[in-house]
Structure formats: structure tokens, C-alpha cells
Amino acid sequence: MVRPHLPLNALRAFEASARHLSFTRAAIELCVTQAAISHQVKALETRLGVQLFRRLPRGLALTDEGIALQPTLAESFDRMAELVEGIANGEATQLLSVAAVGSFATGWLLPRLPVFRTAHPRVDLRLFTNNNRVDLAGEGLDYAIRFGDGAWHATQALPLIEAPLTPLCTPAMARALSEPGDLAGVPLLRSYRADEWQRWFDAAGVAPPPLRGPVFDSSLAMAEAAMQGVGVALAPPSMLGRAIDGGSLVRPFALEVSIGRYWLTWLKSRVPSPAMIAFREWIAGA
């Protein structure tokens, strides 16, 4: 995209004049003449095709267009000044783009993010959620937090935490489940990993019933369906603590089965930035 040329001097002259409602005081602040400020503002008005000020006998008043423009410019100039000062002091803000599967983002990462932000206030974290399918290079990501076995093409993988799966459902549905075989009588909600229920039933020593519940590409959506009584989800209770503590979901059985873990992944070809190193060290020790 080709960005239009921005008349920065004119915009700065307008912003200062709008703050002071005076060309004279704006000129003193910017160390130029009052005539230069007036000329810059007039040129900006001509370019925009609107009046930004009403010239009054005793000063200036903003028009509706001036009122709309002033706060955006003030914020932009403040942010630029802060960034320039940070660069000069060696404290520039660094962007960090992290994608995470939804269950990990809400169940583990979000509650701990204030600790990271306190420790690294200059890291501007951009958090994206996904359903475990992610293209690090194509999406311009620094990291992706995924669930699985750690084997993804062309990536480095740092093991984080295991998240064993167990059946979860509403309290009302759990009352009809006294042993694993009772699951044959209720819809079993499934993820796109087709072998999860099979492995849980194998661990329980029970032949799995025909699976007739809906399939989800998000464990969060599957957990929400379970909370609404659609069926029984096979999900990580460690990532759904609020729903379990609040009584929306219960565990009818204690048995858990581990089929993988969460991993922090990044491209092997990616040279880590200071923000990446800070995040990796923090999450590894959290």
C-alpha cells in the first residue's frame, strides 16, 4: 500500500495551535514565527478542503473538523515523542507476535501475562489464538504455542506443560455416569484428533462406544458445548479451572490420559530478538 504524503510540519503547526487556541503561542512553542504557523495551518486547510479554525477577534475556535482531528494528532505526536525518547535511551518498545491455542491462552497464559508485562514493560505483545494449525512464516509470528508431540517442520520446540485429558460435563449429565461404560449413552464431543476417546477408553479398559457427537476444531468451543449440555467433552481440566471451580463442568471420572503437551515453537531460521529471548526465558521459568 502506498501511503499518502503527510504534511508533518503543517500537522504539527495545527496541533500546537489547537492546544493553545493561538497561533502566537504555537509559534513560541515551535520556535518559528506566527506568520509561519498561520501559513502552515492555511495550507493544511486548503489541502483538506475544510476550515479547521474559526478566526475570532480574540483568538481561535476549532471547527467540527478541527475538533475531530486534534485528539488523534495529539496522541500520535505523543507516541512518536515517547518512541524517539525510548530509542535515545536504549529503551525502545519491541513488538512480539505470539500465537497460542485457545485453551492455553485462556487457561494458562492470560492469567500470568501481568507478571510478564511488569517484568518487560517495553515488550509490546500481540497475542493471536488459533486451533493448533499455524504458519509461523506466512503469518509473520515470532512464536506459536501448540499442543502435540513437538515435531513440526522447520521449527524449534521448547516443552512447556502437559495437559492430560479427562471427560468433563455438566453436573446434571454426570449424575447418569457412574462408570466409564455409561458414556455409551451420551454424546461424546470430539476434537479433530480422532484417537483421543479411543486412548481414554483403552486406559479405562473399556471398549469405546460408537462416537456420535459433533467434532470441534477448538477445545474452548468443545468445552462451551459441554457446559451447555450438548455432550461430554474430553478436555484438559488444567486449562478449564474457572469452569470447574465454578461448577459449570465436573469430572465424572478421575482417569486422565496424556496424549501430548504444550510447546513453544519458533522457526529454526529465525534470529531471536531481545523480546523473543525475554519471553522464552519467562515462559520457561513460569
Protein backbone atom coordinates (compact mmCIF):
# COMPACT_ATOMS: atom_id res chain seq x y z
CA MET A 1 0.00 0.00 0.00
CA VAL A 2 1.35 3.43 -0.97
CA ARG A 3 0.82 5.85 1.89
CA PRO A 4 -0.10 9.45 1.01
CA HIS A 5 2.48 12.12 1.77
CA LEU A 6 1.71 13.65 5.16
CA PRO A 7 2.49 17.36 5.65
CA LEU A 8 4.05 16.86 9.07
CA ASN A 9 5.06 20.47 9.60
CA ALA A 10 1.54 21.64 8.88
CA LEU A 11 0.02 18.97 11.09
CA ARG A 12 2.39 19.93 13.92
CA ALA A 13 1.50 23.59 13.48
CA PHE A 14 -2.20 22.77 13.63
CA GLU A 15 -1.85 20.53 16.69
CA ALA A 16 0.06 23.15 18.67
CA SER A 17 -2.37 25.89 17.61
CA ALA A 18 -5.34 23.71 18.58
CA ARG A 19 -3.86 23.07 22.02
CA HIS A 20 -3.19 26.73 22.69
CA LEU A 21 -6.03 28.13 20.55
CA SER A 22 -3.43 30.68 19.50
CA PHE A 23 -1.06 30.95 16.54
CA THR A 24 1.22 33.15 18.62
CA ARG A 25 1.66 30.68 21.48
CA ALA A 26 2.06 27.81 18.99
CA ALA A 27 4.81 29.77 17.27
CA ILE A 28 6.62 30.32 20.58
CA GLU A 29 6.44 26.58 21.38
CA LEU A 30 7.73 25.54 17.95
CA CYS A 31 10.34 28.34 17.73
CA VAL A 32 9.02 29.78 14.46
CA THR A 33 7.18 32.96 13.55
CA GLN A 34 3.47 33.47 13.98
CA ALA A 35 3.22 34.06 10.22
CA ALA A 36 4.82 30.65 9.55
CA ILE A 37 2.28 28.91 11.78
CA SER A 38 -0.61 30.73 10.14
CA HIS A 39 0.72 29.84 6.69
CA GLN A 40 1.13 26.15 7.58
CA VAL A 41 -2.39 25.92 9.00
CA LYS A 42 -3.87 27.66 5.98
CA ALA A 43 -2.01 25.28 3.66
CA LEU A 44 -3.39 22.30 5.61
CA GLU A 45 -6.93 23.67 5.40
CA THR A 46 -6.52 24.14 1.65
CA ARG A 47 -5.26 20.59 1.25
CA LEU A 48 -8.12 19.14 3.29
CA GLY A 49 -10.73 21.40 1.75
CA VAL A 50 -12.16 22.37 5.13
CA GLN A 51 -11.68 25.03 7.76
CA LEU A 52 -10.05 23.80 10.96
CA PHE A 53 -10.35 27.05 12.91
CA ARG A 54 -12.78 29.90 13.16
CA ARG A 55 -10.75 33.07 13.38
CA LEU A 56 -12.22 35.21 16.17
CA PRO A 57 -11.35 38.75 17.25
CA ARG A 58 -9.77 37.39 20.44
CA GLY A 59 -8.24 34.10 19.35
CA LEU A 60 -9.23 30.88 17.65
CA ALA A 61 -12.02 28.31 17.96
CA LEU A 62 -11.92 24.83 16.49
CA THR A 63 -14.45 23.83 13.87
CA ASP A 64 -16.07 20.38 13.98
CA GLU A 65 -13.37 19.12 11.61
CA GLY A 66 -10.66 20.58 13.82
CA ILE A 67 -12.19 19.01 16.91
CA ALA A 68 -12.18 15.62 15.15
CA LEU A 69 -8.55 15.92 14.01
CA GLN A 70 -6.88 17.35 17.13
CA PRO A 71 -7.00 14.40 19.59
CA THR A 72 -5.69 11.89 17.03
CA LEU A 73 -2.78 14.16 16.16
CA ALA A 74 -2.01 14.89 19.81
CA GLU A 75 -1.87 11.16 20.62
CA SER A 76 0.25 10.42 17.54
CA PHE A 77 2.80 13.12 18.34
CA ASP A 78 2.95 11.99 21.97
CA ARG A 79 3.60 8.39 20.89
CA MET A 80 6.29 9.46 18.43
CA ALA A 81 7.98 11.54 21.12
CA GLU A 82 7.87 8.62 23.55
CA LEU A 83 9.33 6.25 20.95
CA VAL A 84 12.11 8.63 19.97
CA GLU A 85 12.99 9.19 23.62
CA GLY A 86 12.98 5.43 24.22
CA ILE A 87 15.32 4.85 21.28
CA ALA A 88 17.64 7.57 22.52
CA ASN A 89 17.69 5.97 25.97
CA GLY A 90 18.09 2.45 24.61
CA GLU A 91 14.56 1.58 25.77
CA ALA A 92 12.64 1.28 22.52
CA THR A 93 9.42 -0.72 22.52
CA GLN A 94 9.77 -4.09 20.81
CA LEU A 95 6.92 -5.91 19.10
CA LEU A 96 6.41 -9.58 19.90
CA SER A 97 3.82 -11.64 18.00
CA VAL A 98 2.70 -14.85 19.71
CA ALA A 99 0.01 -17.27 18.55
CA ALA A 100 -1.43 -19.75 21.02
CA VAL A 101 -4.09 -22.42 21.00
CA GLY A 102 -7.17 -21.01 22.69
CA SER A 103 -7.17 -23.38 25.65
CA PHE A 104 -3.62 -22.42 26.62
CA ALA A 105 -4.21 -18.73 26.00
CA THR A 106 -7.22 -18.51 28.32
CA GLY A 107 -6.36 -21.27 30.78
CA TRP A 108 -2.68 -20.54 31.39
CA LEU A 109 -1.22 -17.55 29.58
CA LEU A 110 -3.71 -14.73 30.20
CA PRO A 111 -3.75 -15.06 33.99
CA ARG A 112 0.06 -14.80 34.03
CA LEU A 113 0.55 -12.04 31.45
CA PRO A 114 0.51 -9.21 34.02
CA VAL A 115 3.67 -10.72 35.54
CA PHE A 116 5.40 -10.70 32.16
CA ARG A 117 4.28 -7.15 31.37
CA THR A 118 5.55 -5.92 34.74
CA ALA A 119 8.92 -7.54 34.15
CA HIS A 120 9.15 -6.40 30.49
CA PRO A 121 7.16 -3.18 30.05
CA ARG A 122 8.89 -2.35 26.77
CA VAL A 123 7.68 -5.52 25.03
CA ASP A 124 4.52 -4.83 23.03
CA LEU A 125 2.90 -8.28 22.96
CA ARG A 126 0.46 -9.13 20.15
CA LEU A 127 -1.46 -12.31 21.05
CA PHE A 128 -3.34 -14.34 18.45
CA THR A 129 -5.35 -17.53 19.03
CA ASN A 130 -5.61 -20.47 16.69
CA ASN A 131 -6.75 -24.07 16.56
CA ASN A 132 -3.23 -25.56 16.55
CA ARG A 133 -2.78 -25.05 12.82
CA VAL A 134 -0.45 -22.14 12.28
CA ASP A 135 2.04 -20.89 9.68
CA LEU A 136 4.85 -19.12 11.53
CA ALA A 137 6.47 -17.68 8.41
CA GLY A 138 3.30 -16.88 6.49
CA GLU A 139 1.66 -15.14 9.44
CA GLY A 140 4.79 -13.27 10.50
CA LEU A 141 4.82 -14.76 14.00
CA ASP A 142 7.70 -14.82 16.43
CA TYR A 143 6.28 -17.76 18.39
CA ALA A 144 3.42 -20.23 18.27
CA ILE A 145 2.28 -22.19 21.32
CA ARG A 146 0.89 -25.52 20.15
CA PHE A 147 -0.31 -28.81 21.52
CA GLY A 148 1.20 -32.06 20.31
CA ASP A 149 4.43 -34.02 20.26
CA GLY A 150 6.83 -31.16 19.47
CA ALA A 151 7.58 -32.33 15.93
CA TRP A 152 6.74 -29.53 13.50
CA HIS A 153 8.63 -28.98 10.26
CA ALA A 154 11.46 -26.43 10.33
CA THR A 155 10.75 -25.35 13.90
CA GLN A 156 12.46 -25.40 17.25
CA ALA A 157 10.23 -26.54 20.10
CA LEU A 158 10.56 -25.87 23.82
CA PRO A 159 8.42 -28.17 26.01
CA LEU A 160 6.06 -26.34 28.33
CA ILE A 161 3.44 -28.25 30.32
CA GLU A 162 1.49 -31.44 29.93
CA ALA A 163 -2.29 -31.22 29.90
CA PRO A 164 -3.87 -34.67 30.39
CA LEU A 165 -7.41 -35.14 29.14
CA THR A 166 -10.41 -36.36 31.09
CA PRO A 167 -14.18 -36.38 30.49
CA LEU A 168 -15.93 -33.15 31.50
CA CYS A 169 -19.65 -32.44 31.51
CA THR A 170 -22.44 -30.65 33.35
CA PRO A 171 -23.34 -31.81 36.87
CA ALA A 172 -26.74 -32.98 35.59
CA MET A 173 -25.16 -35.19 32.92
CA ALA A 174 -22.58 -36.52 35.38
CA ARG A 175 -25.31 -37.94 37.60
CA ALA A 176 -26.00 -40.57 34.95
CA LEU A 177 -22.33 -41.60 34.72
CA SER A 178 -21.21 -43.97 37.44
CA GLU A 179 -18.69 -45.99 35.37
CA PRO A 180 -16.90 -45.47 32.03
CA GLY A 181 -19.28 -47.77 30.17
CA ASP A 182 -22.12 -45.32 30.89
CA LEU A 183 -20.56 -42.93 28.39
CA ALA A 184 -22.11 -45.06 25.65
CA GLY A 185 -25.44 -43.44 26.48
CA VAL A 186 -24.42 -39.79 25.94
CA PRO A 187 -22.97 -37.78 23.04
CA LEU A 188 -19.18 -37.71 23.16
CA LEU A 189 -17.79 -34.43 21.89
CA ARG A 190 -14.72 -34.86 19.74
CA SER A 191 -11.73 -32.82 18.61
CA TYR A 192 -10.09 -33.12 15.20
CA ARG A 193 -7.59 -35.57 16.80
CA ALA A 194 -9.62 -38.68 16.14
CA ASP A 195 -7.86 -41.07 18.54
CA GLU A 196 -8.38 -39.20 21.82
CA TRP A 197 -11.50 -41.00 23.04
CA GLN A 198 -10.08 -44.33 21.87
CA ARG A 199 -7.00 -43.79 24.03
CA TRP A 200 -9.04 -42.77 27.07
CA PHE A 201 -11.26 -45.85 26.80
CA ASP A 202 -8.17 -48.03 26.31
CA ALA A 203 -6.75 -46.61 29.55
CA ALA A 204 -10.09 -47.28 31.26
CA GLY A 205 -10.11 -50.89 29.99
CA VAL A 206 -13.48 -50.42 28.28
CA ALA A 207 -14.39 -50.90 24.64
CA PRO A 208 -15.25 -47.50 23.15
CA PRO A 209 -18.83 -46.98 22.00
CA PRO A 210 -19.63 -45.60 18.54
CA LEU A 211 -18.76 -41.92 18.55
CA ARG A 212 -21.77 -39.84 17.57
CA GLY A 213 -21.07 -36.39 18.98
CA PRO A 214 -20.06 -33.31 16.96
CA VAL A 215 -16.43 -32.59 16.05
CA PHE A 216 -14.74 -29.32 17.07
CA ASP A 217 -11.54 -27.63 15.92
CA SER A 218 -11.28 -25.72 19.21
CA SER A 219 -11.17 -27.19 22.70
CA LEU A 220 -12.67 -23.96 24.03
CA ALA A 221 -15.71 -24.35 21.77
CA MET A 222 -15.95 -28.01 22.77
CA ALA A 223 -15.82 -27.09 26.46
CA GLU A 224 -18.53 -24.47 25.91
CA ALA A 225 -20.71 -27.10 24.23
CA ALA A 226 -20.18 -29.37 27.23
CA MET A 227 -21.20 -26.55 29.59
CA GLN A 228 -24.40 -26.13 27.57
CA GLY A 229 -25.24 -29.81 27.98
CA VAL A 230 -24.55 -30.84 24.39
CA GLY A 231 -22.44 -33.80 25.50
CA VAL A 232 -19.28 -34.91 27.30
CA ALA A 233 -16.01 -33.29 26.30
CA LEU A 234 -12.61 -34.94 26.57
CA ALA A 235 -10.54 -31.91 27.55
CA PRO A 236 -7.67 -30.75 29.80
CA PRO A 237 -9.08 -29.80 33.22
CA SER A 238 -5.91 -27.84 33.99
CA MET A 239 -6.92 -25.34 31.29
CA LEU A 240 -10.55 -25.09 32.39
CA GLY A 241 -10.11 -24.33 36.06
CA ARG A 242 -12.61 -21.46 36.18
CA ALA A 243 -15.42 -23.58 34.71
CA ILE A 244 -14.62 -26.46 37.08
CA ASP A 245 -14.23 -24.25 40.15
CA GLY A 246 -17.48 -22.51 39.28
CA GLY A 247 -19.36 -25.78 38.93
CA SER A 248 -20.21 -25.39 35.23
CA LEU A 249 -18.15 -28.51 34.46
CA VAL A 250 -17.43 -31.55 36.60
CA ARG A 251 -15.22 -34.60 36.25
CA PRO A 252 -17.35 -37.76 36.38
CA PHE A 253 -14.19 -39.91 36.44
CA ALA A 254 -10.71 -39.38 37.86
CA LEU A 255 -8.91 -41.13 35.00
CA GLU A 256 -6.76 -38.90 32.81
CA VAL A 257 -4.84 -39.75 29.66
CA SER A 258 -1.86 -37.80 28.31
CA ILE A 259 -1.59 -37.57 24.54
CA GLY A 260 0.83 -34.65 24.24
CA ARG A 261 1.84 -31.37 25.77
CA TYR A 262 2.05 -27.66 25.01
CA TRP A 263 5.15 -26.40 23.24
CA LEU A 264 6.64 -23.01 22.49
CA THR A 265 7.71 -23.16 18.84
CA TRP A 266 9.62 -20.85 16.51
CA LEU A 267 11.29 -21.06 13.13
CA LYS A 268 14.79 -22.52 13.11
CA SER A 269 15.78 -19.78 10.69
CA ARG A 270 14.54 -17.01 12.99
CA VAL A 271 17.21 -14.94 14.70
CA PRO A 272 15.74 -14.30 18.15
CA SER A 273 15.13 -10.69 19.07
CA PRO A 274 15.64 -9.44 22.64
CA ALA A 275 11.84 -9.55 23.09
CA MET A 276 11.78 -13.18 21.96
CA ILE A 277 14.57 -14.10 24.35
CA ALA A 278 12.80 -12.35 27.23
CA PHE A 279 9.51 -14.14 26.53
CA ARG A 280 11.16 -17.54 26.10
CA GLU A 281 13.08 -17.25 29.36
CA TRP A 282 9.97 -16.04 31.19
CA ILE A 283 7.64 -18.76 29.95
CA ALA A 284 10.23 -21.49 30.54
CA GLY A 285 10.53 -20.45 34.17
CA ALA A 286 6.91 -19.58 34.88
